[in-house]
């Protein structure tokens, strides 16, 4: 090695070490930002290709239409992903999760049923409220029984269906009845809101207390009747990534989509209230 080379070698080595340090600092900074769930979720949702594989979502029955649409949008934004849904009563879904059922995301129709999962230590992070829902009476098309209030459902001769009190729509219905000082004995209690609505659609019941989103989704199969007591029984809908998620990246990205402006637009168009 010449004297000139030896003289210049040290500055070159220092510069190289400096560049390496800057790269390391940049990498640490990037890693730090990813540790923030909000930042990483937003990035995952807005950058197609960053996530792939299957993601399993357990969601309240009332989310079926809107979440199916969101699942299609998610797969378009992230080629190579596949969203699989399991819809049902929130309490049943929560029990399945705590019992070990494999899932990546849980979206519940009430904080109470979400607490079953969080109290069992099966959630990763704190749940976030992404929507709210209000009750409505679903009657036969044309409302032949002239139902105009919650009190009308307590009259004799009407076959009324409610959700079971253990599921969010049933608990909300009971809360609305209590707010109005009313008592109602239904012909049946159903395990989720879709089952209650189906009874009316099949003309096996004259009316059911369901969510406004379900009345909206049913179209001309039923007619909706609003009632003031429903304002005392609005349900918050929380969502969370599960601790046992097999695809944590896709789970974060799906939750980010649900909470994004695009996701909120789909939910409000389905009749949900903003969180």
Protein backbone atom coordinates (compact mmCIF):
# COMPACT_ATOMS: atom_id res chain seq x y z
CA UNK A 1 0.00 0.00 0.00
CA UNK A 2 1.34 3.46 -0.88
CA UNK A 3 1.71 6.23 1.69
CA UNK A 4 -1.09 8.14 -0.02
CA UNK A 5 -3.44 5.18 0.23
CA UNK A 6 -2.59 4.66 3.91
CA UNK A 7 -3.18 8.35 4.54
CA UNK A 8 -6.62 8.37 2.89
CA UNK A 9 -7.77 4.95 4.15
CA UNK A 10 -8.76 6.11 7.63
CA UNK A 11 -11.11 8.90 6.46
CA UNK A 12 -12.73 6.39 4.06
CA UNK A 13 -13.23 3.92 6.90
CA UNK A 14 -14.69 6.62 9.14
CA UNK A 15 -17.07 7.69 6.41
CA UNK A 16 -18.16 4.09 5.88
CA UNK A 17 -18.72 3.62 9.59
CA UNK A 18 -20.70 6.86 9.69
CA UNK A 19 -22.90 5.72 6.83
CA UNK A 20 -23.47 2.39 8.56
CA UNK A 21 -24.44 4.18 11.76
CA UNK A 22 -26.92 6.32 9.88
CA UNK A 23 -28.45 3.23 8.28
CA UNK A 24 -28.72 1.54 11.66
CA UNK A 25 -30.35 4.64 13.15
CA UNK A 26 -32.78 4.75 10.26
CA UNK A 27 -33.63 1.09 10.76
CA UNK A 28 -34.20 1.63 14.49
CA UNK A 29 -36.42 4.61 13.74
CA UNK A 30 -38.43 2.53 11.28
CA UNK A 31 -38.75 -0.29 13.81
CA UNK A 32 -39.90 2.16 16.46
CA UNK A 33 -42.64 3.57 14.27
CA UNK A 34 -43.90 0.04 13.51
CA UNK A 35 -44.35 -0.59 17.23
CA UNK A 36 -47.16 1.96 17.21
CA UNK A 37 -50.30 0.02 16.26
CA UNK A 38 -51.99 3.04 14.73
CA UNK A 39 -49.06 3.91 12.50
CA UNK A 40 -48.38 0.35 11.40
CA UNK A 41 -52.06 -0.40 10.78
CA UNK A 42 -52.46 2.68 8.60
CA UNK A 43 -49.31 1.83 6.65
CA UNK A 44 -50.43 -1.75 6.11
CA UNK A 45 -53.84 -0.65 4.84
CA UNK A 46 -52.46 1.92 2.41
CA UNK A 47 -49.61 -0.11 0.90
CA UNK A 48 -50.86 -3.00 -1.27
CA UNK A 49 -48.49 -5.96 -1.27
CA UNK A 50 -47.22 -5.48 2.28
CA UNK A 51 -49.51 -8.22 3.60
CA UNK A 52 -50.49 -11.58 2.17
CA UNK A 53 -52.06 -14.88 3.11
CA UNK A 54 -55.29 -15.77 4.87
CA UNK A 55 -56.95 -13.75 7.62
CA UNK A 56 -59.89 -15.07 9.65
CA UNK A 57 -62.41 -12.60 11.05
CA UNK A 58 -65.04 -13.46 13.66
CA UNK A 59 -67.78 -10.81 13.45
CA UNK A 60 -71.24 -10.09 14.83
CA UNK A 61 -74.07 -11.26 12.58
CA UNK A 62 -75.23 -7.68 12.00
CA UNK A 63 -71.92 -6.94 10.26
CA UNK A 64 -72.39 -9.58 7.57
CA UNK A 65 -73.23 -7.32 4.62
CA UNK A 66 -70.82 -4.49 5.37
CA UNK A 67 -67.90 -6.73 6.37
CA UNK A 68 -68.38 -8.91 3.29
CA UNK A 69 -67.97 -5.76 1.20
CA UNK A 70 -64.94 -4.72 3.24
CA UNK A 71 -63.43 -8.16 2.77
CA UNK A 72 -63.73 -7.83 -1.00
CA UNK A 73 -62.12 -4.39 -0.88
CA UNK A 74 -59.31 -5.73 1.29
CA UNK A 75 -58.51 -8.56 -1.12
CA UNK A 76 -58.44 -6.10 -4.02
CA UNK A 77 -56.06 -3.78 -2.16
CA UNK A 78 -53.82 -6.65 -1.06
CA UNK A 79 -53.42 -9.21 -3.86
CA UNK A 80 -52.60 -12.62 -2.45
CA UNK A 81 -54.81 -12.24 0.64
CA UNK A 82 -57.97 -14.16 1.48
CA UNK A 83 -60.46 -13.04 4.11
CA UNK A 84 -62.60 -15.71 5.73
CA UNK A 85 -65.52 -14.65 7.91
CA UNK A 86 -67.43 -16.38 10.68
CA UNK A 87 -70.62 -14.46 11.49
CA UNK A 88 -72.86 -15.16 14.47
CA UNK A 89 -73.99 -14.03 17.89
CA UNK A 90 -71.20 -12.10 19.58
CA UNK A 91 -71.43 -14.17 22.75
CA UNK A 92 -71.08 -17.44 20.84
CA UNK A 93 -68.13 -16.10 18.86
CA UNK A 94 -66.44 -14.86 22.03
CA UNK A 95 -66.91 -18.27 23.65
CA UNK A 96 -65.38 -19.94 20.59
CA UNK A 97 -62.35 -17.65 20.74
CA UNK A 98 -61.73 -18.25 24.44
CA UNK A 99 -62.20 -21.95 23.73
CA UNK A 100 -59.30 -21.90 21.30
CA UNK A 101 -60.96 -21.40 17.90
CA UNK A 102 -58.38 -20.03 15.43
CA UNK A 103 -59.09 -16.44 14.42
CA UNK A 104 -57.14 -13.27 13.72
CA UNK A 105 -59.74 -10.53 14.34
CA UNK A 106 -62.84 -10.21 16.51
CA UNK A 107 -65.53 -7.59 15.86
CA UNK A 108 -68.25 -7.61 18.50
CA UNK A 109 -71.66 -5.92 18.71
CA UNK A 110 -71.07 -4.75 22.27
CA UNK A 111 -68.28 -3.98 24.75
CA UNK A 112 -69.77 -6.56 27.15
CA UNK A 113 -69.21 -9.46 24.77
CA UNK A 114 -65.80 -8.10 23.79
CA UNK A 115 -64.90 -8.18 27.50
CA UNK A 116 -65.29 -11.98 27.44
CA UNK A 117 -62.28 -12.10 25.12
CA UNK A 118 -60.20 -9.36 26.73
CA UNK A 119 -60.77 -10.67 30.26
CA UNK A 120 -59.55 -14.08 29.12
CA UNK A 121 -56.35 -12.49 27.84
CA UNK A 122 -57.06 -13.44 24.23
CA UNK A 123 -56.85 -9.92 22.76
CA UNK A 124 -53.72 -8.20 21.51
CA UNK A 125 -53.99 -4.58 22.60
CA UNK A 126 -57.06 -2.57 23.50
CA UNK A 127 -60.25 -2.91 21.41
CA UNK A 128 -61.27 0.14 19.34
CA UNK A 129 -64.88 1.20 18.76
CA UNK A 130 -65.44 1.43 15.00
CA UNK A 131 -69.24 1.82 14.73
CA UNK A 132 -72.48 2.10 16.66
CA UNK A 133 -75.90 0.60 15.96
CA UNK A 134 -79.46 1.43 16.91
CA UNK A 135 -82.55 -0.76 17.19
CA UNK A 136 -85.57 -0.71 14.91
CA UNK A 137 -88.75 -2.75 14.66
CA UNK A 138 -88.99 -4.98 11.60
CA UNK A 139 -92.54 -5.68 10.50
CA UNK A 140 -94.09 -7.50 7.57
CA UNK A 141 -94.02 -5.54 4.30
CA UNK A 142 -96.64 -2.82 4.32
CA UNK A 143 -96.86 -3.02 8.13
CA UNK A 144 -100.31 -4.72 8.09
CA UNK A 145 -100.56 -4.66 11.89
CA UNK A 146 -100.02 -0.87 11.94
CA UNK A 147 -97.16 -1.06 14.41
CA UNK A 148 -96.03 2.46 15.24
CA UNK A 149 -94.33 2.09 18.63
CA UNK A 150 -92.53 -0.35 20.90
CA UNK A 151 -95.65 -0.42 23.08
CA UNK A 152 -97.67 -1.77 20.16
CA UNK A 153 -95.60 -4.95 20.30
CA UNK A 154 -96.92 -5.74 23.78
CA UNK A 155 -100.48 -6.08 22.49
CA UNK A 156 -102.10 -9.49 22.41
CA UNK A 157 -102.32 -11.32 19.11
CA UNK A 158 -98.97 -10.15 17.76
CA UNK A 159 -96.23 -12.71 17.26
CA UNK A 160 -93.03 -10.90 18.21
CA UNK A 161 -89.48 -12.25 18.11
CA UNK A 162 -86.51 -10.98 20.13
CA UNK A 163 -82.85 -11.87 20.21
CA UNK A 164 -81.77 -13.86 23.23
CA UNK A 165 -80.81 -11.59 26.13
CA UNK A 166 -77.30 -12.99 26.16
CA UNK A 167 -76.54 -11.49 22.73
CA UNK A 168 -76.12 -7.74 22.18
CA UNK A 169 -79.32 -7.16 20.18
CA UNK A 170 -81.35 -8.94 22.86
CA UNK A 171 -79.71 -7.04 25.69
CA UNK A 172 -80.33 -3.78 23.83
CA UNK A 173 -84.00 -4.67 23.25
CA UNK A 174 -84.46 -5.37 26.95
CA UNK A 175 -82.81 -2.07 27.78
CA UNK A 176 -85.21 -0.26 25.44
CA UNK A 177 -88.19 -2.04 26.97
CA UNK A 178 -87.00 -1.09 30.45
CA UNK A 179 -86.60 2.52 29.34
CA UNK A 180 -90.22 2.55 28.23
CA UNK A 181 -91.46 0.67 31.30
CA UNK A 182 -92.72 -2.11 29.03
CA UNK A 183 -92.92 -5.88 29.32
CA UNK A 184 -92.93 -8.15 26.32
CA UNK A 185 -93.12 -11.92 26.05
CA UNK A 186 -91.90 -12.98 22.60
CA UNK A 187 -92.92 -16.15 20.80
CA UNK A 188 -89.22 -17.00 20.58
CA UNK A 189 -85.74 -15.83 21.51
CA UNK A 190 -83.19 -16.17 18.70
CA UNK A 191 -79.43 -16.67 18.96
CA UNK A 192 -78.53 -13.76 16.68
CA UNK A 193 -80.16 -10.80 14.98
CA UNK A 194 -80.27 -12.42 11.52
CA UNK A 195 -82.24 -15.35 12.90
CA UNK A 196 -84.74 -12.95 14.48
CA UNK A 197 -85.14 -11.04 11.23
CA UNK A 198 -85.57 -14.23 9.21
CA UNK A 199 -88.64 -15.12 11.29
CA UNK A 200 -90.34 -11.98 9.95
CA UNK A 201 -89.07 -12.48 6.40
CA UNK A 202 -90.58 -15.98 6.39
CA UNK A 203 -93.81 -14.62 7.93
CA UNK A 204 -93.35 -16.83 10.97
CA UNK A 205 -93.56 -13.69 13.12
CA UNK A 206 -95.35 -10.36 12.78
CA UNK A 207 -92.47 -8.27 14.07
CA UNK A 208 -88.97 -8.43 15.53
CA UNK A 209 -86.75 -5.98 17.36
CA UNK A 210 -83.50 -5.89 15.38
CA UNK A 211 -80.87 -3.39 14.29
CA UNK A 212 -81.63 -0.69 11.76
CA UNK A 213 -78.76 -2.05 9.67
CA UNK A 214 -80.55 -5.39 9.35
CA UNK A 215 -83.77 -3.70 8.27
CA UNK A 216 -81.74 -1.77 5.71
CA UNK A 217 -80.08 -4.95 4.43
CA UNK A 218 -83.41 -6.79 4.12
CA UNK A 219 -84.72 -4.27 1.59
CA UNK A 220 -88.40 -4.76 0.72
CA UNK A 221 -88.64 -8.06 2.61
CA UNK A 222 -89.56 -6.13 5.77
CA UNK A 223 -90.64 -2.64 6.80
CA UNK A 224 -88.85 -0.72 9.52
CA UNK A 225 -90.44 1.24 12.34
CA UNK A 226 -88.34 3.58 14.46
CA UNK A 227 -89.08 4.08 18.15
CA UNK A 228 -87.70 6.67 20.61
CA UNK A 229 -86.65 4.16 23.30
CA UNK A 230 -83.96 2.90 20.92
CA UNK A 231 -81.91 5.99 21.73
CA UNK A 232 -81.40 4.53 25.22
CA UNK A 233 -80.00 1.29 23.84
CA UNK A 234 -77.37 2.19 21.22
CA UNK A 235 -74.62 -0.43 20.98
CA UNK A 236 -70.93 0.35 20.48
CA UNK A 237 -69.07 -2.07 18.20
CA UNK A 238 -65.44 -2.77 19.21
CA UNK A 239 -62.81 -4.58 17.13
CA UNK A 240 -59.48 -6.11 18.15
CA UNK A 241 -56.63 -8.22 16.85
CA UNK A 242 -56.45 -11.52 18.69
CA UNK A 243 -53.38 -12.69 20.57
CA UNK A 244 -53.37 -16.01 18.75
CA UNK A 245 -53.57 -14.41 15.30
CA UNK A 246 -51.76 -16.51 12.72
CA UNK A 247 -51.47 -13.55 10.36
CA UNK A 248 -50.91 -10.52 12.57
CA UNK A 249 -49.93 -8.25 9.68
CA UNK A 250 -53.09 -8.93 7.71
CA UNK A 251 -55.16 -8.64 10.90
CA UNK A 252 -53.76 -5.17 11.58
CA UNK A 253 -54.34 -4.14 7.97
CA UNK A 254 -57.96 -5.35 8.01
CA UNK A 255 -58.69 -3.45 11.21
CA UNK A 256 -57.09 -0.36 9.69
CA UNK A 257 -59.40 -0.67 6.66
CA UNK A 258 -62.47 -0.96 8.91
CA UNK A 259 -61.46 2.22 10.74
CA UNK A 260 -60.39 4.13 7.62
CA UNK A 261 -62.49 6.73 5.79
CA UNK A 262 -63.30 4.13 3.14
CA UNK A 263 -64.38 1.61 5.75
CA UNK A 264 -66.47 4.14 7.63
CA UNK A 265 -68.23 5.11 4.40
CA UNK A 266 -69.24 1.50 3.78
CA UNK A 267 -70.49 1.15 7.35
CA UNK A 268 -72.51 4.37 7.37
CA UNK A 269 -74.08 3.48 4.03
CA UNK A 270 -75.20 0.21 5.67
CA UNK A 271 -76.94 2.22 8.41
CA UNK A 272 -74.32 2.16 11.16
CA UNK A 273 -73.69 5.25 13.25
CA UNK A 274 -70.21 6.71 13.48
CA UNK A 275 -68.23 5.81 16.62
